[in-house]
Amino acid sequence: MTQLNELRDNPGANKLRMRIGRGIGSGKGKTGGRGGKGQTARSGVAINGFEGGQMPLHMRMPKRGFNSYNPKDWNEVRIDRVQAYIDSGKLDAKAVIDAEALIAARVIRRAKDGVRLIGSAGLTATKVTFKVNYATKGALAAVEAAGGKVDVIPAKAPWKKAPRAE
């Protein structure tokens, strides 16, 4: 049995770091492992994707799809999740369920650009009225099958200004 004062690391467990730039005899002297001159020998050089003047690969690839200049960031709320909050008593099924009610019940954290109602099953509460910016066909069918209704309010277009009151 070994004593505490006899404990040692395994041979080769600790290794001294290489001290670079300490003469050619050290094996890492003169250029210090950076090779000869040029751009990559300098500090602060980031040449990610640069191909020496040739058009980079990511720019040669064809562009696909459509990217909106003004994309919407929606809060997507599933019907079955709303039902779970109604069952737990955090949401009132008799009141109108809109963004403010969903925030108060902590279903969503904040109203981004609007609320999208998604899902096609899971609603058992009757006569639930939703006031949202968008609803899928399945969500509309599920709410109407349960006897409720969905009021779709259009999201405000940021580029359209409100008419001036004269």
C-alpha atoms as a PDB file:
ATOM      1  CA  MET A   1       0.000   0.000   0.000  1.00  0.00           C
ATOM      2  CA  THR A   2       1.384   3.397  -1.004  1.00  0.00           C
ATOM      3  CA  GLN A   3       1.710   6.256   1.427  1.00  0.00           C
ATOM      4  CA  LEU A   4       0.431   9.763   0.688  1.00  0.00           C
ATOM      5  CA  ASN A   5       3.984  11.080   0.559  1.00  0.00           C
ATOM      6  CA  GLU A   6       4.889   8.456  -2.063  1.00  0.00           C
ATOM      7  CA  LEU A   7       2.183   9.417  -4.630  1.00  0.00           C
ATOM      8  CA  ARG A   8       3.640  10.303  -8.034  1.00  0.00           C
ATOM      9  CA  ASP A   9       2.245  10.962 -11.502  1.00  0.00           C
ATOM     10  CA  ASN A  10       2.674   8.271 -14.091  1.00  0.00           C
ATOM     11  CA  PRO A  11       5.857   8.649 -16.119  1.00  0.00           C
ATOM     12  CA  GLY A  12       5.200  11.011 -19.048  1.00  0.00           C
ATOM     13  CA  ALA A  13       1.960  12.420 -17.577  1.00  0.00           C
ATOM     14  CA  ASN A  14       3.416  15.920 -17.209  1.00  0.00           C
ATOM     15  CA  LYS A  15       5.199  17.467 -20.149  1.00  0.00           C
ATOM     16  CA  LEU A  16       6.773  20.907 -20.385  1.00  0.00           C
ATOM     17  CA  ARG A  17       5.355  23.187 -23.082  1.00  0.00           C
ATOM     18  CA  MET A  18       7.419  24.004 -26.148  1.00  0.00           C
ATOM     19  CA  ARG A  19       9.083  27.425 -25.827  1.00  0.00           C
ATOM     20  CA  ILE A  20       9.074  28.809 -29.340  1.00  0.00           C
ATOM     21  CA  GLY A  21      11.406  31.433 -30.763  1.00  0.00           C
ATOM     22  CA  ARG A  22      14.400  30.487 -28.564  1.00  0.00           C
ATOM     23  CA  GLY A  23      17.073  29.790 -31.167  1.00  0.00           C
ATOM     24  CA  ILE A  24      17.422  27.333 -34.048  1.00  0.00           C
ATOM     25  CA  GLY A  25      18.757  24.604 -31.782  1.00  0.00           C
ATOM     26  CA  SER A  26      15.389  24.318 -30.030  1.00  0.00           C
ATOM     27  CA  GLY A  27      13.643  23.103 -33.186  1.00  0.00           C
ATOM     28  CA  LYS A  28      11.069  25.900 -32.964  1.00  0.00           C
ATOM     29  CA  GLY A  29      13.340  28.919 -33.341  1.00  0.00           C
ATOM     30  CA  LYS A  30      13.693  31.647 -35.991  1.00  0.00           C
ATOM     31  CA  THR A  31      10.149  31.735 -37.434  1.00  0.00           C
ATOM     32  CA  GLY A  32       8.603  30.066 -34.374  1.00  0.00           C
ATOM     33  CA  GLY A  33       6.555  27.498 -36.286  1.00  0.00           C
ATOM     34  CA  ARG A  34       4.954  30.100 -38.560  1.00  0.00           C
ATOM     35  CA  GLY A  35       6.885  29.167 -41.702  1.00  0.00           C
ATOM     36  CA  GLY A  36       8.399  31.822 -43.937  1.00  0.00           C
ATOM     37  CA  LYS A  37       7.068  35.385 -44.401  1.00  0.00           C
ATOM     38  CA  GLY A  38       3.781  36.257 -46.073  1.00  0.00           C
ATOM     39  CA  GLN A  39       0.232  36.919 -45.015  1.00  0.00           C
ATOM     40  CA  THR A  40      -0.256  33.924 -42.743  1.00  0.00           C
ATOM     41  CA  ALA A  41       2.937  34.672 -40.807  1.00  0.00           C
ATOM     42  CA  ARG A  42       1.340  37.904 -39.580  1.00  0.00           C
ATOM     43  CA  SER A  43      -0.988  38.160 -36.608  1.00  0.00           C
ATOM     44  CA  GLY A  44      -4.626  39.164 -37.012  1.00  0.00           C
ATOM     45  CA  VAL A  45      -5.055  37.601 -40.453  1.00  0.00           C
ATOM     46  CA  ALA A  46      -8.429  35.963 -41.135  1.00  0.00           C
ATOM     47  CA  ILE A  47      -8.664  34.534 -44.618  1.00  0.00           C
ATOM     48  CA  ASN A  48     -11.755  32.372 -44.260  1.00  0.00           C
ATOM     49  CA  GLY A  49     -13.100  31.531 -47.690  1.00  0.00           C
ATOM     50  CA  PHE A  50     -10.472  33.616 -49.511  1.00  0.00           C
ATOM     51  CA  GLU A  51      -9.220  31.774 -52.565  1.00  0.00           C
ATOM     52  CA  GLY A  52      -6.387  33.973 -53.778  1.00  0.00           C
ATOM     53  CA  GLY A  53      -8.403  36.313 -55.975  1.00  0.00           C
ATOM     54  CA  GLN A  54     -10.505  33.527 -57.499  1.00  0.00           C
ATOM     55  CA  MET A  55     -14.253  33.863 -56.937  1.00  0.00           C
ATOM     56  CA  PRO A  56     -14.930  32.047 -53.632  1.00  0.00           C
ATOM     57  CA  LEU A  57     -16.973  28.863 -53.667  1.00  0.00           C
ATOM     58  CA  HIS A  58     -19.861  30.297 -51.651  1.00  0.00           C
ATOM     59  CA  MET A  59     -20.204  33.074 -54.235  1.00  0.00           C
ATOM     60  CA  ARG A  60     -19.992  30.654 -57.187  1.00  0.00           C
ATOM     61  CA  MET A  61     -22.902  28.582 -55.895  1.00  0.00           C
ATOM     62  CA  PRO A  62     -26.352  29.488 -57.276  1.00  0.00           C
ATOM     63  CA  LYS A  63     -28.741  31.376 -55.036  1.00  0.00           C
ATOM     64  CA  ARG A  64     -31.956  29.548 -54.176  1.00  0.00           C
ATOM     65  CA  GLY A  65     -35.339  30.578 -52.889  1.00  0.00           C
ATOM     66  CA  PHE A  66     -36.645  33.877 -51.661  1.00  0.00           C
ATOM     67  CA  ASN A  67     -35.395  35.836 -48.691  1.00  0.00           C
ATOM     68  CA  SER A  68     -37.728  38.535 -47.473  1.00  0.00           C
ATOM     69  CA  TYR A  69     -36.223  41.914 -46.687  1.00  0.00           C
ATOM     70  CA  ASN A  70     -38.737  42.306 -43.883  1.00  0.00           C
ATOM     71  CA  PRO A  71     -39.363  38.832 -42.448  1.00  0.00           C
ATOM     72  CA  LYS A  72     -41.990  38.372 -39.743  1.00  0.00           C
ATOM     73  CA  ASP A  73     -41.129  36.773 -36.437  1.00  0.00           C
ATOM     74  CA  TRP A  74     -44.317  35.012 -35.303  1.00  0.00           C
ATOM     75  CA  ASN A  75     -45.255  33.398 -32.013  1.00  0.00           C
ATOM     76  CA  GLU A  76     -46.534  29.973 -33.039  1.00  0.00           C
ATOM     77  CA  VAL A  77     -49.032  28.597 -30.529  1.00  0.00           C
ATOM     78  CA  ARG A  78     -50.340  25.032 -30.768  1.00  0.00           C
ATOM     79  CA  ILE A  79     -54.009  24.335 -30.040  1.00  0.00           C
ATOM     80  CA  ASP A  80     -53.246  21.411 -27.726  1.00  0.00           C
ATOM     81  CA  ARG A  81     -50.944  23.665 -25.680  1.00  0.00           C
ATOM     82  CA  VAL A  82     -53.710  26.251 -25.333  1.00  0.00           C
ATOM     83  CA  GLN A  83     -56.037  23.463 -24.189  1.00  0.00           C
ATOM     84  CA  ALA A  84     -53.509  22.392 -21.541  1.00  0.00           C
ATOM     85  CA  TYR A  85     -53.392  25.951 -20.187  1.00  0.00           C
ATOM     86  CA  ILE A  86     -57.210  26.115 -20.168  1.00  0.00           C
ATOM     87  CA  ASP A  87     -57.345  22.804 -18.258  1.00  0.00           C
ATOM     88  CA  SER A  88     -54.815  24.071 -15.699  1.00  0.00           C
ATOM     89  CA  GLY A  89     -56.884  27.236 -15.141  1.00  0.00           C
ATOM     90  CA  LYS A  90     -54.244  29.656 -16.425  1.00  0.00           C
ATOM     91  CA  LEU A  91     -56.372  30.648 -19.445  1.00  0.00           C
ATOM     92  CA  ASP A  92     -60.091  31.496 -19.328  1.00  0.00           C
ATOM     93  CA  ALA A  93     -61.981  29.713 -22.100  1.00  0.00           C
ATOM     94  CA  LYS A  94     -64.896  32.162 -21.863  1.00  0.00           C
ATOM     95  CA  ALA A  95     -62.711  35.230 -22.504  1.00  0.00           C
ATOM     96  CA  VAL A  96     -61.155  36.132 -25.840  1.00  0.00           C
ATOM     97  CA  ILE A  97     -57.744  34.488 -26.193  1.00  0.00           C
ATOM     98  CA  ASP A  98     -55.384  37.009 -27.788  1.00  0.00           C
ATOM     99  CA  ALA A  99     -51.710  37.941 -27.476  1.00  0.00           C
ATOM    100  CA  GLU A 100     -52.226  39.776 -24.163  1.00  0.00           C
ATOM    101  CA  ALA A 101     -54.056  36.804 -22.626  1.00  0.00           C
ATOM    102  CA  LEU A 102     -51.349  34.410 -23.832  1.00  0.00           C
ATOM    103  CA  ILE A 103     -48.625  36.604 -22.320  1.00  0.00           C
ATOM    104  CA  ALA A 104     -50.512  36.882 -19.012  1.00  0.00           C
ATOM    105  CA  ALA A 105     -50.861  33.076 -18.880  1.00  0.00           C
ATOM    106  CA  ARG A 106     -47.161  32.714 -19.842  1.00  0.00           C
ATOM    107  CA  VAL A 107     -47.959  30.661 -22.941  1.00  0.00           C
ATOM    108  CA  ILE A 108     -45.705  33.049 -24.859  1.00  0.00           C
ATOM    109  CA  ARG A 109     -43.059  35.379 -23.481  1.00  0.00           C
ATOM    110  CA  ARG A 110     -43.714  38.457 -25.601  1.00  0.00           C
ATOM    111  CA  ALA A 111     -45.805  39.510 -28.596  1.00  0.00           C
ATOM    112  CA  LYS A 112     -43.353  39.611 -31.471  1.00  0.00           C
ATOM    113  CA  ASP A 113     -44.943  40.425 -34.842  1.00  0.00           C
ATOM    114  CA  GLY A 114     -48.130  38.535 -34.020  1.00  0.00           C
ATOM    115  CA  VAL A 115     -49.554  35.164 -33.046  1.00  0.00           C
ATOM    116  CA  ARG A 116     -50.023  32.191 -35.378  1.00  0.00           C
ATOM    117  CA  LEU A 117     -52.448  29.472 -34.311  1.00  0.00           C
ATOM    118  CA  ILE A 118     -51.274  26.061 -35.501  1.00  0.00           C
ATOM    119  CA  GLY A 119     -52.254  22.420 -34.992  1.00  0.00           C
ATOM    120  CA  SER A 120     -55.268  20.399 -35.982  1.00  0.00           C
ATOM    121  CA  ALA A 121     -56.214  18.427 -32.863  1.00  0.00           C
ATOM    122  CA  GLY A 122     -56.290  18.617 -29.117  1.00  0.00           C
ATOM    123  CA  LEU A 123     -58.998  21.237 -28.492  1.00  0.00           C
ATOM    124  CA  THR A 124     -61.798  19.925 -26.275  1.00  0.00           C
ATOM    125  CA  ALA A 125     -63.023  23.172 -24.680  1.00  0.00           C
ATOM    126  CA  THR A 126     -66.177  24.490 -26.320  1.00  0.00           C
ATOM    127  CA  LYS A 127     -66.762  27.979 -27.663  1.00  0.00           C
ATOM    128  CA  VAL A 128     -63.245  29.348 -27.424  1.00  0.00           C
ATOM    129  CA  THR A 129     -62.764  32.658 -29.232  1.00  0.00           C
ATOM    130  CA  PHE A 130     -59.296  33.376 -30.577  1.00  0.00           C
ATOM    131  CA  LYS A 131     -58.051  36.732 -31.826  1.00  0.00           C
ATOM    132  CA  VAL A 132     -54.824  35.996 -33.712  1.00  0.00           C
ATOM    133  CA  ASN A 133     -52.903  37.232 -36.751  1.00  0.00           C
ATOM    134  CA  TYR A 134     -52.849  33.916 -38.596  1.00  0.00           C
ATOM    135  CA  ALA A 135     -54.397  30.456 -38.283  1.00  0.00           C
ATOM    136  CA  THR A 136     -53.729  27.316 -40.295  1.00  0.00           C
ATOM    137  CA  LYS A 137     -56.575  25.498 -42.051  1.00  0.00           C
ATOM    138  CA  GLY A 138     -56.337  22.635 -39.576  1.00  0.00           C
ATOM    139  CA  ALA A 139     -56.474  25.037 -36.617  1.00  0.00           C
ATOM    140  CA  LEU A 140     -59.515  26.825 -38.046  1.00  0.00           C
ATOM    141  CA  ALA A 141     -61.290  23.518 -38.614  1.00  0.00           C
ATOM    142  CA  ALA A 142     -60.473  22.258 -35.104  1.00  0.00           C
ATOM    143  CA  VAL A 143     -61.696  25.430 -33.378  1.00  0.00           C
ATOM    144  CA  GLU A 144     -64.901  25.565 -35.431  1.00  0.00           C
ATOM    145  CA  ALA A 145     -65.527  21.838 -34.819  1.00  0.00           C
ATOM    146  CA  ALA A 146     -65.346  22.544 -31.071  1.00  0.00           C
ATOM    147  CA  GLY A 147     -67.894  25.350 -31.471  1.00  0.00           C
ATOM    148  CA  GLY A 148     -65.469  28.251 -31.165  1.00  0.00           C
ATOM    149  CA  LYS A 149     -64.402  30.916 -33.607  1.00  0.00           C
ATOM    150  CA  VAL A 150     -61.196  32.538 -34.823  1.00  0.00           C
ATOM    151  CA  ASP A 151     -60.946  36.268 -35.570  1.00  0.00           C
ATOM    152  CA  VAL A 152     -57.966  36.788 -37.873  1.00  0.00           C
ATOM    153  CA  ILE A 153     -56.583  40.300 -37.521  1.00  0.00           C
ATOM    154  CA  PRO A 154     -54.046  41.299 -40.187  1.00  0.00           C
ATOM    155  CA  ALA A 155     -50.552  42.128 -39.007  1.00  0.00           C
ATOM    156  CA  LYS A 156     -49.594  45.781 -39.353  1.00  0.00           C
ATOM    157  CA  ALA A 157     -47.369  46.442 -42.364  1.00  0.00           C
ATOM    158  CA  PRO A 158     -44.407  48.507 -41.124  1.00  0.00           C
ATOM    159  CA  TRP A 159     -43.958  50.331 -44.421  1.00  0.00           C
ATOM    160  CA  LYS A 160     -47.563  51.637 -44.496  1.00  0.00           C
ATOM    161  CA  LYS A 161     -48.097  54.780 -42.536  1.00  0.00           C
ATOM    162  CA  ALA A 162     -51.311  55.555 -40.718  1.00  0.00           C
ATOM    163  CA  PRO A 163     -53.496  58.134 -42.465  1.00  0.00           C
ATOM    164  CA  ARG A 164     -53.062  61.647 -41.141  1.00  0.00           C
ATOM    165  CA  ALA A 165     -55.935  63.119 -39.153  1.00  0.00           C
ATOM    166  CA  GLU A 166     -56.853  66.478 -40.639  1.00  0.00           C
END
